[in-house]
Amino acid sequence: MSSSKKHKHICGVVATQTIEEALTIMKKYNFLQFIEIRVDYFNNPIEALRDLSGELIDLTTKYILTYRHTECQSSQDFVEQVYTEIIKLEPAIVDIDYNCVKKNPSFLNLCEKYQVNLILSSHLKNTPKIIQLKQIYGDIRDLATSSIKKIVTTAHCLEDNFTILNFLKSSPENDLISFSMSPVGRLSRLLCTFHGSLLTYVTLSNARVAPGIFTLEEHEQVISMLCLG
């Protein structure tokens, strides 16, 4: 299997404190079709984004720029400034929290202006029933029809993995990313792309950016052991 086909549905996550570290990892794993840069891990996100704009990197081809925040960590003005800087870089995709866009729908206009594709993300602390997951999907679709809908739950038991996989199989549209976090949710990370998820995520650095996430090497090893790749 060719490298491009093998990694078609894998997004590698870069989470570093400096732009120099990020660039080193990005170059090492350039063979991946998608790489997510976690802007929130930079010591100074605004400065790092401006440094990134000066690099000779075609961000429009494979890069997903993401900024995760909590209310206690960042003011609304700062969050808006970061997202604005991200969108102006014109990456292939920007990942924005669904609730953030609900509060500030102007981000939708900005993405359209700069022709940036959008992932609208919803992160849940549990794994609700499929009917509730479909409602969340519908809410995201109503806000931005053409967006990629990303619904990430937290698994508390093995059955939560099968809820996610069945949810993916029940979706008629090819615009959904879904899996479960936590150690017990790792099964869904491995199998979600075989059931319709556009992507699954692996970490490319030492940072465990989400509970239960595999490194690329771990992911490849388990997929090979399961004879799925």
Protein backbone atom coordinates (compact mmCIF):
# COMPACT_ATOMS: atom_id res chain seq x y z
CA MET A 1 0.00 0.00 0.00
CA SER A 2 1.35 3.42 -0.93
CA SER A 3 2.07 5.92 1.82
CA SER A 4 -0.52 8.39 0.49
CA LYS A 5 -3.28 5.77 0.48
CA LYS A 6 -2.18 4.30 3.79
CA HIS A 7 -2.44 7.67 5.52
CA LYS A 8 -5.42 9.03 3.58
CA HIS A 9 -7.69 9.38 6.61
CA ILE A 10 -5.08 10.14 9.26
CA CYS A 11 -4.49 13.64 10.58
CA GLY A 12 -1.26 14.14 12.51
CA VAL A 13 -1.41 16.65 15.35
CA VAL A 14 1.48 19.04 15.97
CA ALA A 15 1.45 20.53 19.48
CA THR A 16 4.60 22.43 20.43
CA GLN A 17 5.51 25.55 22.35
CA THR A 18 7.51 27.18 19.56
CA ILE A 19 7.08 27.59 15.82
CA GLU A 20 10.60 26.17 15.27
CA GLU A 21 9.65 22.89 16.93
CA ALA A 22 6.42 22.77 14.95
CA LEU A 23 8.19 23.29 11.63
CA THR A 24 10.64 20.48 12.37
CA ILE A 25 7.79 18.04 12.99
CA MET A 26 5.79 19.28 10.00
CA LYS A 27 8.73 18.61 7.69
CA LYS A 28 9.37 15.16 9.18
CA TYR A 29 5.78 14.06 8.62
CA ASN A 30 5.19 15.90 5.38
CA PHE A 31 4.03 12.64 3.77
CA LEU A 32 0.74 12.83 5.70
CA GLN A 33 -2.19 14.20 3.75
CA PHE A 34 -3.44 16.19 6.74
CA ILE A 35 -1.55 17.86 9.58
CA GLU A 36 -3.25 19.80 12.38
CA ILE A 37 -1.32 22.64 14.03
CA ARG A 38 -2.58 23.26 17.56
CA VAL A 39 -2.15 27.00 17.92
CA ASP A 40 -3.18 26.94 21.59
CA TYR A 41 0.04 25.10 22.50
CA PHE A 42 2.29 27.94 21.34
CA ASN A 43 3.73 30.14 24.07
CA ASN A 44 2.48 33.19 22.18
CA PRO A 45 -0.21 32.17 19.65
CA ILE A 46 -0.48 35.55 17.90
CA GLU A 47 3.28 35.92 17.50
CA ALA A 48 3.60 32.30 16.33
CA LEU A 49 0.90 32.77 13.69
CA ARG A 50 2.64 35.87 12.38
CA ASP A 51 5.94 33.96 12.26
CA LEU A 52 4.18 31.15 10.41
CA SER A 53 2.91 33.61 7.81
CA GLY A 54 6.51 34.38 6.91
CA GLU A 55 7.45 30.74 6.30
CA LEU A 56 7.52 29.27 2.80
CA ILE A 57 4.80 26.72 3.58
CA ASP A 58 1.75 26.11 1.43
CA LEU A 59 -0.83 26.06 4.21
CA THR A 60 -3.66 25.72 1.68
CA THR A 61 -2.82 22.11 0.81
CA LYS A 62 -3.00 19.96 3.94
CA TYR A 63 -2.90 22.03 7.10
CA ILE A 64 -5.68 22.30 9.67
CA LEU A 65 -5.22 25.16 12.15
CA THR A 66 -6.95 24.73 15.48
CA TYR A 67 -7.22 26.84 18.61
CA ARG A 68 -8.83 25.32 21.71
CA HIS A 69 -9.58 27.56 24.64
CA THR A 70 -11.50 27.73 27.89
CA GLU A 71 -13.38 30.74 29.21
CA CYS A 72 -10.98 31.08 32.14
CA GLN A 73 -7.88 31.00 29.94
CA SER A 74 -8.72 33.49 27.18
CA SER A 75 -10.84 36.60 26.86
CA GLN A 76 -13.37 36.71 24.04
CA ASP A 77 -11.43 39.50 22.35
CA PHE A 78 -8.24 37.44 22.37
CA VAL A 79 -10.04 34.37 20.99
CA GLU A 80 -11.49 36.45 18.16
CA GLN A 81 -8.07 37.90 17.40
CA VAL A 82 -6.49 34.45 17.24
CA TYR A 83 -9.17 33.01 14.97
CA THR A 84 -9.00 36.05 12.71
CA GLU A 85 -5.22 35.65 12.38
CA ILE A 86 -5.69 31.93 11.65
CA ILE A 87 -8.26 32.46 8.91
CA LYS A 88 -6.21 35.20 7.25
CA LEU A 89 -3.39 32.67 6.83
CA GLU A 90 -5.75 30.80 4.48
CA PRO A 91 -5.03 27.26 5.69
CA ALA A 92 -6.72 24.32 4.01
CA ILE A 93 -9.08 24.03 6.98
CA VAL A 94 -9.72 25.87 10.22
CA ASP A 95 -11.24 23.97 13.15
CA ILE A 96 -13.45 26.15 15.36
CA ASP A 97 -15.58 25.17 18.32
CA TYR A 98 -19.27 25.12 17.41
CA ASN A 99 -20.28 27.18 20.45
CA CYS A 100 -17.68 29.81 19.56
CA VAL A 101 -19.16 30.24 16.09
CA LYS A 102 -22.67 30.41 17.56
CA LYS A 103 -21.52 33.38 19.63
CA ASN A 104 -19.64 34.97 16.74
CA PRO A 105 -21.12 33.95 13.35
CA SER A 106 -18.93 36.56 11.66
CA PHE A 107 -16.26 33.83 11.53
CA LEU A 108 -18.39 32.16 8.86
CA ASN A 109 -18.20 35.27 6.68
CA LEU A 110 -14.46 35.51 7.26
CA CYS A 111 -13.94 31.88 6.20
CA GLU A 112 -15.98 32.53 3.08
CA LYS A 113 -14.02 35.69 2.29
CA TYR A 114 -10.68 33.87 2.50
CA GLN A 115 -12.06 30.65 0.99
CA VAL A 116 -11.10 28.57 4.01
CA ASN A 117 -12.86 25.28 4.65
CA LEU A 118 -14.36 24.90 8.10
CA ILE A 119 -14.58 22.14 10.68
CA LEU A 120 -17.18 22.91 13.34
CA SER A 121 -16.34 20.89 16.46
CA SER A 122 -18.46 19.75 19.35
CA HIS A 123 -16.73 18.01 22.27
CA LEU A 124 -18.86 16.11 24.77
CA LYS A 125 -18.05 14.79 28.24
CA ASN A 126 -20.06 11.63 27.66
CA THR A 127 -21.40 9.57 24.76
CA PRO A 128 -25.11 10.22 24.33
CA LYS A 129 -27.51 8.05 22.37
CA ILE A 130 -27.47 8.15 18.58
CA ILE A 131 -30.65 10.22 18.43
CA GLN A 132 -28.94 12.94 20.49
CA LEU A 133 -25.79 12.77 18.36
CA LYS A 134 -27.95 13.25 15.27
CA GLN A 135 -29.52 16.31 16.89
CA ILE A 136 -26.07 17.81 17.50
CA TYR A 137 -25.15 17.06 13.90
CA GLY A 138 -28.34 18.82 12.78
CA ASP A 139 -27.58 21.87 14.92
CA ILE A 140 -24.11 22.18 13.37
CA ARG A 141 -25.52 21.70 9.86
CA ASP A 142 -28.12 24.40 10.46
CA LEU A 143 -25.39 26.85 11.44
CA ALA A 144 -23.04 26.03 8.55
CA THR A 145 -24.33 23.57 5.97
CA SER A 146 -21.10 23.19 4.03
CA SER A 147 -18.89 22.72 7.09
CA ILE A 148 -17.32 19.45 8.15
CA LYS A 149 -19.13 18.38 11.30
CA LYS A 150 -16.86 17.05 14.05
CA ILE A 151 -18.52 15.40 17.03
CA VAL A 152 -16.12 13.99 19.60
CA THR A 153 -17.49 12.27 22.68
CA THR A 154 -15.91 10.81 25.81
CA ALA A 155 -16.21 7.04 26.24
CA HIS A 156 -16.89 5.69 29.71
CA CYS A 157 -17.51 2.08 28.70
CA LEU A 158 -16.74 -0.20 25.76
CA GLU A 159 -20.26 0.13 24.40
CA ASP A 160 -19.70 3.85 23.80
CA ASN A 161 -17.34 2.90 20.97
CA PHE A 162 -20.11 1.00 19.21
CA THR A 163 -22.49 3.91 19.66
CA ILE A 164 -20.07 6.13 17.76
CA LEU A 165 -19.46 3.55 15.02
CA ASN A 166 -23.19 3.00 14.54
CA PHE A 167 -23.74 6.76 14.48
CA LEU A 168 -21.16 7.07 11.71
CA LYS A 169 -22.77 4.27 9.71
CA SER A 170 -26.18 5.92 10.04
CA SER A 171 -24.99 9.22 8.57
CA PRO A 172 -25.92 9.60 4.88
CA GLU A 173 -23.54 12.51 4.34
CA ASN A 174 -19.80 12.40 3.75
CA ASP A 175 -19.05 15.37 6.02
CA LEU A 176 -18.58 13.90 9.48
CA ILE A 177 -15.65 13.28 11.80
CA SER A 178 -16.53 11.35 14.93
CA PHE A 179 -14.83 9.19 17.55
CA SER A 180 -14.53 8.92 21.33
CA MET A 181 -11.80 10.15 23.64
CA SER A 182 -10.45 8.42 26.79
CA PRO A 183 -8.45 5.18 26.99
CA VAL A 184 -11.57 3.07 26.63
CA GLY A 185 -12.50 5.04 23.50
CA ARG A 186 -9.35 4.09 21.62
CA LEU A 187 -11.23 1.41 19.70
CA SER A 188 -13.33 4.09 18.04
CA ARG A 189 -10.19 6.02 17.07
CA LEU A 190 -8.90 2.94 15.27
CA LEU A 191 -12.14 1.97 13.54
CA CYS A 192 -13.96 5.26 12.91
CA THR A 193 -12.54 5.83 9.41
CA PHE A 194 -13.68 2.35 8.37
CA HIS A 195 -17.24 3.36 9.30
CA GLY A 196 -17.39 6.75 7.59
CA SER A 197 -15.38 9.26 9.61
CA LEU A 198 -13.41 11.55 7.32
CA LEU A 199 -10.43 11.55 9.68
CA THR A 200 -8.93 10.10 12.80
CA TYR A 201 -6.20 11.92 14.71
CA VAL A 202 -2.76 10.85 15.94
CA THR A 203 -0.17 12.86 17.83
CA LEU A 204 3.17 13.63 16.19
CA SER A 205 4.85 15.05 19.29
CA ASN A 206 5.27 14.10 22.93
CA ALA A 207 2.14 16.06 23.84
CA ARG A 208 -0.88 13.84 24.46
CA VAL A 209 -3.28 16.39 23.07
CA ALA A 210 -6.39 14.38 23.89
CA PRO A 211 -7.22 11.43 26.15
CA GLY A 212 -6.61 8.11 24.42
CA ILE A 213 -4.88 9.49 21.34
CA PHE A 214 -2.33 7.24 19.63
CA THR A 215 0.99 8.25 18.17
CA LEU A 216 1.23 7.62 14.44
CA GLU A 217 3.53 4.69 15.07
CA GLU A 218 1.16 3.14 17.63
CA HIS A 219 -1.79 3.57 15.30
CA GLU A 220 0.01 1.93 12.38
CA GLN A 221 1.19 -0.95 14.57
CA VAL A 222 -2.28 -1.78 15.93
CA ILE A 223 -3.94 -1.44 12.51
CA SER A 224 -1.34 -3.83 11.10
CA MET A 225 -1.89 -6.32 13.96
CA LEU A 226 -5.61 -6.22 13.27
CA CYS A 227 -4.91 -6.81 9.56
CA LEU A 228 -6.85 -3.66 8.67
CA GLY A 229 -4.11 -1.81 6.84
